[in-house]
């Protein structure tokens, strides 16, 4: 699918068709994460806004409790 940007005030907007929104379970209120690698734009719905925070917390706990063992396993 090829899309073009639309003017929206001083910004540009991308219109996402309803079938794509439904497929990804995105509504007008769904937060979207926008990242780029310098060549492409990747837009993803954020289903659980605190998921990254919970993951980092769990990772820190595992490293705190088992970091030395994991380090030895990696050698």
PDB file of N, CA and C in Angstrom:
ATOM      1  N   UNK A   1       0.847  -1.160   0.000  1.00  0.00           N
ATOM      2  CA  UNK A   1       0.000   0.000   0.000  1.00  0.00           C
ATOM      3  C   UNK A   1       0.901   1.234   0.000  1.00  0.00           C
ATOM      4  N   UNK A   2       0.642   2.143  -0.876  1.00  0.00           N
ATOM      5  CA  UNK A   2       1.370   3.412  -0.954  1.00  0.00           C
ATOM      6  C   UNK A   2       0.454   4.504  -0.409  1.00  0.00           C
ATOM      7  N   UNK A   3       0.990   5.306   0.508  1.00  0.00           N
ATOM      8  CA  UNK A   3       0.225   6.398   1.108  1.00  0.00           C
ATOM      9  C   UNK A   3       1.020   7.691   0.948  1.00  0.00           C
ATOM     10  N   UNK A   4       0.330   8.812   0.991  1.00  0.00           N
ATOM     11  CA  UNK A   4       0.990  10.109   1.021  1.00  0.00           C
ATOM     12  C   UNK A   4       0.553  10.827   2.291  1.00  0.00           C
ATOM     13  N   UNK A   5       1.348  11.782   2.705  1.00  0.00           N
ATOM     14  CA  UNK A   5       1.033  12.546   3.900  1.00  0.00           C
ATOM     15  C   UNK A   5       0.021  13.637   3.578  1.00  0.00           C
ATOM     16  N   UNK A   6      -0.764  14.006   4.570  1.00  0.00           N
ATOM     17  CA  UNK A   6      -1.733  15.098   4.450  1.00  0.00           C
ATOM     18  C   UNK A   6      -1.289  16.229   5.362  1.00  0.00           C
ATOM     19  N   UNK A   7      -1.591  17.464   4.964  1.00  0.00           N
ATOM     20  CA  UNK A   7      -1.281  18.604   5.819  1.00  0.00           C
ATOM     21  C   UNK A   7      -2.219  18.615   7.012  1.00  0.00           C
ATOM     22  N   UNK A   8      -1.655  18.942   8.171  1.00  0.00           N
ATOM     23  CA  UNK A   8      -2.436  19.045   9.403  1.00  0.00           C
ATOM     24  C   UNK A   8      -1.812  20.171  10.219  1.00  0.00           C
ATOM     25  N   UNK A   9      -2.309  21.390  10.012  1.00  0.00           N
ATOM     26  CA  UNK A   9      -1.693  22.549  10.647  1.00  0.00           C
ATOM     27  C   UNK A   9      -0.283  22.719  10.110  1.00  0.00           C
ATOM     28  N   UNK A  10       0.695  22.835  11.001  1.00  0.00           N
ATOM     29  CA  UNK A  10       2.101  22.942  10.599  1.00  0.00           C
ATOM     30  C   UNK A  10       2.785  21.581  10.535  1.00  0.00           C
ATOM     31  N   UNK A  11       2.016  20.520  10.643  1.00  0.00           N
ATOM     32  CA  UNK A  11       2.570  19.168  10.658  1.00  0.00           C
ATOM     33  C   UNK A  11       2.056  18.374   9.470  1.00  0.00           C
ATOM     34  N   UNK A  12       2.510  17.141   9.377  1.00  0.00           N
ATOM     35  CA  UNK A  12       2.041  16.213   8.353  1.00  0.00           C
ATOM     36  C   UNK A  12       1.376  15.037   9.056  1.00  0.00           C
ATOM     37  N   UNK A  13       0.299  14.527   8.463  1.00  0.00           N
ATOM     38  CA  UNK A  13      -0.446  13.424   9.058  1.00  0.00           C
ATOM     39  C   UNK A  13      -0.489  12.254   8.081  1.00  0.00           C
ATOM     40  N   UNK A  14      -0.480  11.062   8.636  1.00  0.00           N
ATOM     41  CA  UNK A  14      -0.626   9.843   7.849  1.00  0.00           C
ATOM     42  C   UNK A  14      -1.984   9.250   8.190  1.00  0.00           C
ATOM     43  N   UNK A  15      -2.825   9.057   7.212  1.00  0.00           N
ATOM     44  CA  UNK A  15      -4.151   8.484   7.418  1.00  0.00           C
ATOM     45  C   UNK A  15      -4.021   6.960   7.328  1.00  0.00           C
ATOM     46  N   UNK A  16      -4.440   6.282   8.391  1.00  0.00           N
ATOM     47  CA  UNK A  16      -4.380   4.822   8.430  1.00  0.00           C
ATOM     48  C   UNK A  16      -5.787   4.281   8.184  1.00  0.00           C
ATOM     49  N   UNK A  17      -5.926   3.447   7.181  1.00  0.00           N
ATOM     50  CA  UNK A  17      -7.234   2.921   6.797  1.00  0.00           C
ATOM     51  C   UNK A  17      -7.831   2.039   7.888  1.00  0.00           C
ATOM     52  N   UNK A  18      -9.167   2.055   7.968  1.00  0.00           N
ATOM     53  CA  UNK A  18      -9.894   1.331   8.997  1.00  0.00           C
ATOM     54  C   UNK A  18      -9.555  -0.160   9.056  1.00  0.00           C
ATOM     55  N   UNK A  19      -9.433  -0.885   7.930  1.00  0.00           N
ATOM     56  CA  UNK A  19      -9.096  -2.315   8.021  1.00  0.00           C
ATOM     57  C   UNK A  19      -7.755  -2.563   8.726  1.00  0.00           C
ATOM     58  N   UNK A  20      -6.785  -1.685   8.536  1.00  0.00           N
ATOM     59  CA  UNK A  20      -5.497  -1.838   9.210  1.00  0.00           C
ATOM     60  C   UNK A  20      -5.660  -1.573  10.696  1.00  0.00           C
ATOM     61  N   UNK A  21      -6.411  -0.536  11.048  1.00  0.00           N
ATOM     62  CA  UNK A  21      -6.670  -0.234  12.452  1.00  0.00           C
ATOM     63  C   UNK A  21      -7.351  -1.409  13.136  1.00  0.00           C
ATOM     64  N   UNK A  22      -8.330  -1.998  12.476  1.00  0.00           N
ATOM     65  CA  UNK A  22      -9.046  -3.143  13.045  1.00  0.00           C
ATOM     66  C   UNK A  22      -8.135  -4.356  13.180  1.00  0.00           C
ATOM     67  N   UNK A  23      -7.300  -4.602  12.181  1.00  0.00           N
ATOM     68  CA  UNK A  23      -6.381  -5.735  12.212  1.00  0.00           C
ATOM     69  C   UNK A  23      -5.425  -5.638  13.401  1.00  0.00           C
ATOM     70  N   UNK A  24      -4.936  -4.430  13.671  1.00  0.00           N
ATOM     71  CA  UNK A  24      -3.976  -4.214  14.757  1.00  0.00           C
ATOM     72  C   UNK A  24      -4.638  -3.849  16.072  1.00  0.00           C
ATOM     73  N   UNK A  25      -5.965  -3.830  16.063  1.00  0.00           N
ATOM     74  CA  UNK A  25      -6.747  -3.476  17.252  1.00  0.00           C
ATOM     75  C   UNK A  25      -6.346  -2.107  17.800  1.00  0.00           C
ATOM     76  N   UNK A  26      -6.236  -1.147  16.881  1.00  0.00           N
ATOM     77  CA  UNK A  26      -5.895   0.231  17.229  1.00  0.00           C
ATOM     78  C   UNK A  26      -7.161   1.068  17.184  1.00  0.00           C
ATOM     79  N   UNK A  27      -7.349   1.873  18.218  1.00  0.00           N
ATOM     80  CA  UNK A  27      -8.438   2.842  18.220  1.00  0.00           C
ATOM     81  C   UNK A  27      -7.821   4.236  18.236  1.00  0.00           C
ATOM     82  N   UNK A  28      -8.659   5.239  18.202  1.00  0.00           N
ATOM     83  CA  UNK A  28      -8.189   6.619  18.227  1.00  0.00           C
ATOM     84  C   UNK A  28      -7.453   6.931  19.528  1.00  0.00           C
ATOM     85  N   UNK A  29      -7.712   6.136  20.591  1.00  0.00           N
ATOM     86  CA  UNK A  29      -7.088   6.363  21.898  1.00  0.00           C
ATOM     87  C   UNK A  29      -5.882   5.471  22.179  1.00  0.00           C
ATOM     88  N   UNK A  30      -5.527   4.583  21.244  1.00  0.00           N
ATOM     89  CA  UNK A  30      -4.399   3.678  21.449  1.00  0.00           C
ATOM     90  C   UNK A  30      -3.088   4.459  21.337  1.00  0.00           C
ATOM     91  N   UNK A  31      -2.220   4.381  22.359  1.00  0.00           N
ATOM     92  CA  UNK A  31      -0.920   5.033  22.227  1.00  0.00           C
ATOM     93  C   UNK A  31      -0.083   4.311  21.174  1.00  0.00           C
ATOM     94  N   UNK A  32       0.656   5.066  20.390  1.00  0.00           N
ATOM     95  CA  UNK A  32       1.487   4.500  19.336  1.00  0.00           C
ATOM     96  C   UNK A  32       2.948   4.834  19.593  1.00  0.00           C
ATOM     97  N   UNK A  33       3.810   3.852  19.394  1.00  0.00           N
ATOM     98  CA  UNK A  33       5.246   4.052  19.526  1.00  0.00           C
ATOM     99  C   UNK A  33       5.799   4.262  18.119  1.00  0.00           C
ATOM    100  N   UNK A  34       6.550   5.352  17.931  1.00  0.00           N
ATOM    101  CA  UNK A  34       7.120   5.662  16.624  1.00  0.00           C
ATOM    102  C   UNK A  34       8.639   5.641  16.760  1.00  0.00           C
ATOM    103  N   UNK A  35       9.290   4.778  15.973  1.00  0.00           N
ATOM    104  CA  UNK A  35      10.742   4.703  15.987  1.00  0.00           C
ATOM    105  C   UNK A  35      11.255   4.760  14.554  1.00  0.00           C
ATOM    106  N   UNK A  36      12.519   5.049  14.406  1.00  0.00           N
ATOM    107  CA  UNK A  36      13.129   5.075  13.084  1.00  0.00           C
ATOM    108  C   UNK A  36      14.548   4.540  13.157  1.00  0.00           C
ATOM    109  N   UNK A  37      14.988   3.982  12.059  1.00  0.00           N
ATOM    110  CA  UNK A  37      16.382   3.558  11.953  1.00  0.00           C
ATOM    111  C   UNK A  37      17.150   4.532  11.073  1.00  0.00           C
ATOM    112  N   UNK A  38      16.537   5.660  10.766  1.00  0.00           N
ATOM    113  CA  UNK A  38      17.152   6.653   9.898  1.00  0.00           C
ATOM    114  C   UNK A  38      16.711   6.529   8.452  1.00  0.00           C
ATOM    115  N   UNK A  39      16.104   5.406   8.095  1.00  0.00           N
ATOM    116  CA  UNK A  39      15.636   5.183   6.724  1.00  0.00           C
ATOM    117  C   UNK A  39      14.149   4.870   6.665  1.00  0.00           C
ATOM    118  N   UNK A  40      13.625   4.263   7.741  1.00  0.00           N
ATOM    119  CA  UNK A  40      12.232   3.843   7.775  1.00  0.00           C
ATOM    120  C   UNK A  40      11.577   4.317   9.063  1.00  0.00           C
ATOM    121  N   UNK A  41      10.261   4.428   9.017  1.00  0.00           N
ATOM    122  CA  UNK A  41       9.472   4.754  10.198  1.00  0.00           C
ATOM    123  C   UNK A  41       8.701   3.499  10.585  1.00  0.00           C
ATOM    124  N   UNK A  42       8.745   3.151  11.859  1.00  0.00           N
ATOM    125  CA  UNK A  42       8.001   1.997  12.354  1.00  0.00           C
ATOM    126  C   UNK A  42       7.020   2.497  13.403  1.00  0.00           C
ATOM    127  N   UNK A  43       5.741   2.241  13.175  1.00  0.00           N
ATOM    128  CA  UNK A  43       4.683   2.674  14.081  1.00  0.00           C
ATOM    129  C   UNK A  43       4.035   1.418  14.659  1.00  0.00           C
ATOM    130  N   UNK A  44       4.044   1.305  15.987  1.00  0.00           N
ATOM    131  CA  UNK A  44       3.501   0.123  16.648  1.00  0.00           C
ATOM    132  C   UNK A  44       2.545   0.530  17.757  1.00  0.00           C
ATOM    133  N   UNK A  45       1.431  -0.206  17.907  1.00  0.00           N
ATOM    134  CA  UNK A  45       0.540   0.085  19.030  1.00  0.00           C
ATOM    135  C   UNK A  45       1.197  -0.329  20.340  1.00  0.00           C
ATOM    136  N   UNK A  46       0.974   0.453  21.375  1.00  0.00           N
ATOM    137  CA  UNK A  46       1.469   0.128  22.707  1.00  0.00           C
ATOM    138  C   UNK A  46       0.288  -0.457  23.472  1.00  0.00           C
ATOM    139  N   UNK A  47       0.305  -1.774  23.641  1.00  0.00           N
ATOM    140  CA  UNK A  47      -0.804  -2.453  24.312  1.00  0.00           C
ATOM    141  C   UNK A  47      -0.702  -2.338  25.822  1.00  0.00           C
ATOM    142  N   UNK A  48       0.523  -2.423  26.337  1.00  0.00           N
ATOM    143  CA  UNK A  48       0.744  -2.333  27.778  1.00  0.00           C
ATOM    144  C   UNK A  48       1.804  -1.261  28.017  1.00  0.00           C
ATOM    145  N   UNK A  49       1.389  -0.043  28.327  1.00  0.00           N
ATOM    146  CA  UNK A  49       2.364   1.040  28.476  1.00  0.00           C
ATOM    147  C   UNK A  49       3.437   0.773  29.521  1.00  0.00           C
ATOM    148  N   UNK A  50       3.141  -0.012  30.546  1.00  0.00           N
ATOM    149  CA  UNK A  50       4.125  -0.248  31.600  1.00  0.00           C
ATOM    150  C   UNK A  50       4.906  -1.541  31.394  1.00  0.00           C
ATOM    151  N   UNK A  51       4.741  -2.196  30.257  1.00  0.00           N
ATOM    152  CA  UNK A  51       5.393  -3.483  30.021  1.00  0.00           C
ATOM    153  C   UNK A  51       6.916  -3.356  30.074  1.00  0.00           C
ATOM    154  N   UNK A  52       7.478  -2.349  29.417  1.00  0.00           N
ATOM    155  CA  UNK A  52       8.929  -2.156  29.409  1.00  0.00           C
ATOM    156  C   UNK A  52       9.452  -1.916  30.823  1.00  0.00           C
ATOM    157  N   UNK A  53       8.719  -1.128  31.598  1.00  0.00           N
ATOM    158  CA  UNK A  53       9.109  -0.855  32.973  1.00  0.00           C
ATOM    159  C   UNK A  53       9.117  -2.139  33.808  1.00  0.00           C
ATOM    160  N   UNK A  54       8.089  -2.964  33.649  1.00  0.00           N
ATOM    161  CA  UNK A  54       8.022  -4.228  34.386  1.00  0.00           C
ATOM    162  C   UNK A  54       9.133  -5.180  33.959  1.00  0.00           C
ATOM    163  N   UNK A  55       9.438  -5.198  32.655  1.00  0.00           N
ATOM    164  CA  UNK A  55      10.511  -6.045  32.147  1.00  0.00           C
ATOM    165  C   UNK A  55      11.852  -5.630  32.745  1.00  0.00           C
ATOM    166  N   UNK A  56      12.143  -4.322  32.724  1.00  0.00           N
ATOM    167  CA  UNK A  56      13.405  -3.830  33.266  1.00  0.00           C
ATOM    168  C   UNK A  56      13.528  -4.157  34.757  1.00  0.00           C
ATOM    169  N   UNK A  57      12.435  -4.020  35.478  1.00  0.00           N
ATOM    170  CA  UNK A  57      12.428  -4.335  36.903  1.00  0.00           C
ATOM    171  C   UNK A  57      12.734  -5.813  37.136  1.00  0.00           C
ATOM    172  N   UNK A  58      12.117  -6.684  36.349  1.00  0.00           N
ATOM    173  CA  UNK A  58      12.354  -8.117  36.477  1.00  0.00           C
ATOM    174  C   UNK A  58      13.794  -8.463  36.103  1.00  0.00           C
ATOM    175  N   UNK A  59      14.318  -7.829  35.064  1.00  0.00           N
ATOM    176  CA  UNK A  59      15.692  -8.064  34.632  1.00  0.00           C
ATOM    177  C   UNK A  59      16.684  -7.651  35.719  1.00  0.00           C
ATOM    178  N   UNK A  60      16.457  -6.509  36.331  1.00  0.00           N
ATOM    179  CA  UNK A  60      17.325  -6.051  37.412  1.00  0.00           C
ATOM    180  C   UNK A  60      17.291  -7.025  38.593  1.00  0.00           C
ATOM    181  N   UNK A  61      16.122  -7.551  38.892  1.00  0.00           N
ATOM    182  CA  UNK A  61      15.991  -8.501  40.008  1.00  0.00           C
ATOM    183  C   UNK A  61      16.750  -9.791  39.714  1.00  0.00           C
ATOM    184  N   UNK A  62      16.622 -10.302  38.482  1.00  0.00           N
ATOM    185  CA  UNK A  62      17.337 -11.526  38.101  1.00  0.00           C
ATOM    186  C   UNK A  62      18.838 -11.278  38.152  1.00  0.00           C
ATOM    187  N   UNK A  63      19.284 -10.151  37.594  1.00  0.00           N
ATOM    188  CA  UNK A  63      20.714  -9.851  37.610  1.00  0.00           C
ATOM    189  C   UNK A  63      21.241  -9.679  39.028  1.00  0.00           C
ATOM    190  N   UNK A  64      20.441  -9.080  39.884  1.00  0.00           N
ATOM    191  CA  UNK A  64      20.842  -8.884  41.271  1.00  0.00           C
ATOM    192  C   UNK A  64      20.993 -10.220  41.990  1.00  0.00           C
ATOM    193  N   UNK A  65      20.055 -11.115  41.763  1.00  0.00           N
ATOM    194  CA  UNK A  65      20.051 -12.409  42.460  1.00  0.00           C
ATOM    195  C   UNK A  65      20.970 -13.451  41.824  1.00  0.00           C
ATOM    196  N   UNK A  66      21.148 -13.375  40.485  1.00  0.00           N
ATOM    197  CA  UNK A  66      21.856 -14.441  39.779  1.00  0.00           C
ATOM    198  C   UNK A  66      22.920 -13.934  38.817  1.00  0.00           C
ATOM    199  N   UNK A  67      23.262 -12.654  38.901  1.00  0.00           N
ATOM    200  CA  UNK A  67      24.206 -12.055  37.952  1.00  0.00           C
ATOM    201  C   UNK A  67      25.545 -12.753  37.920  1.00  0.00           C
ATOM    202  N   UNK A  68      26.092 -13.100  39.090  1.00  0.00           N
ATOM    203  CA  UNK A  68      27.404 -13.751  39.131  1.00  0.00           C
ATOM    204  C   UNK A  68      27.344 -15.114  38.448  1.00  0.00           C
ATOM    205  N   UNK A  69      26.301 -15.860  38.723  1.00  0.00           N
ATOM    206  CA  UNK A  69      26.148 -17.189  38.090  1.00  0.00           C
ATOM    207  C   UNK A  69      25.993 -17.057  36.581  1.00  0.00           C
ATOM    208  N   UNK A  70      25.181 -16.100  36.157  1.00  0.00           N
ATOM    209  CA  UNK A  70      24.984 -15.891  34.714  1.00  0.00           C
ATOM    210  C   UNK A  70      26.287 -15.475  34.029  1.00  0.00           C
ATOM    211  N   UNK A  71      27.065 -14.649  34.711  1.00  0.00           N
ATOM    212  CA  UNK A  71      28.361 -14.226  34.182  1.00  0.00           C
ATOM    213  C   UNK A  71      29.277 -15.427  33.980  1.00  0.00           C
ATOM    214  N   UNK A  72      29.320 -16.316  34.978  1.00  0.00           N
ATOM    215  CA  UNK A  72      30.158 -17.524  34.868  1.00  0.00           C
ATOM    216  C   UNK A  72      29.684 -18.431  33.744  1.00  0.00           C
ATOM    217  N   UNK A  73      28.370 -18.544  33.565  1.00  0.00           N
ATOM    218  CA  UNK A  73      27.835 -19.369  32.480  1.00  0.00           C
ATOM    219  C   UNK A  73      28.214 -18.805  31.110  1.00  0.00           C
ATOM    220  N   UNK A  74      28.343 -17.492  31.033  1.00  0.00           N
ATOM    221  CA  UNK A  74      28.672 -16.849  29.769  1.00  0.00           C
ATOM    222  C   UNK A  74      30.142 -16.988  29.377  1.00  0.00           C
ATOM    223  N   UNK A  75      30.978 -17.439  30.294  1.00  0.00           N
ATOM    224  CA  UNK A  75      32.422 -17.571  30.015  1.00  0.00           C
ATOM    225  C   UNK A  75      32.780 -18.863  29.345  1.00  0.00           C
TER     226      UNK A  75
END
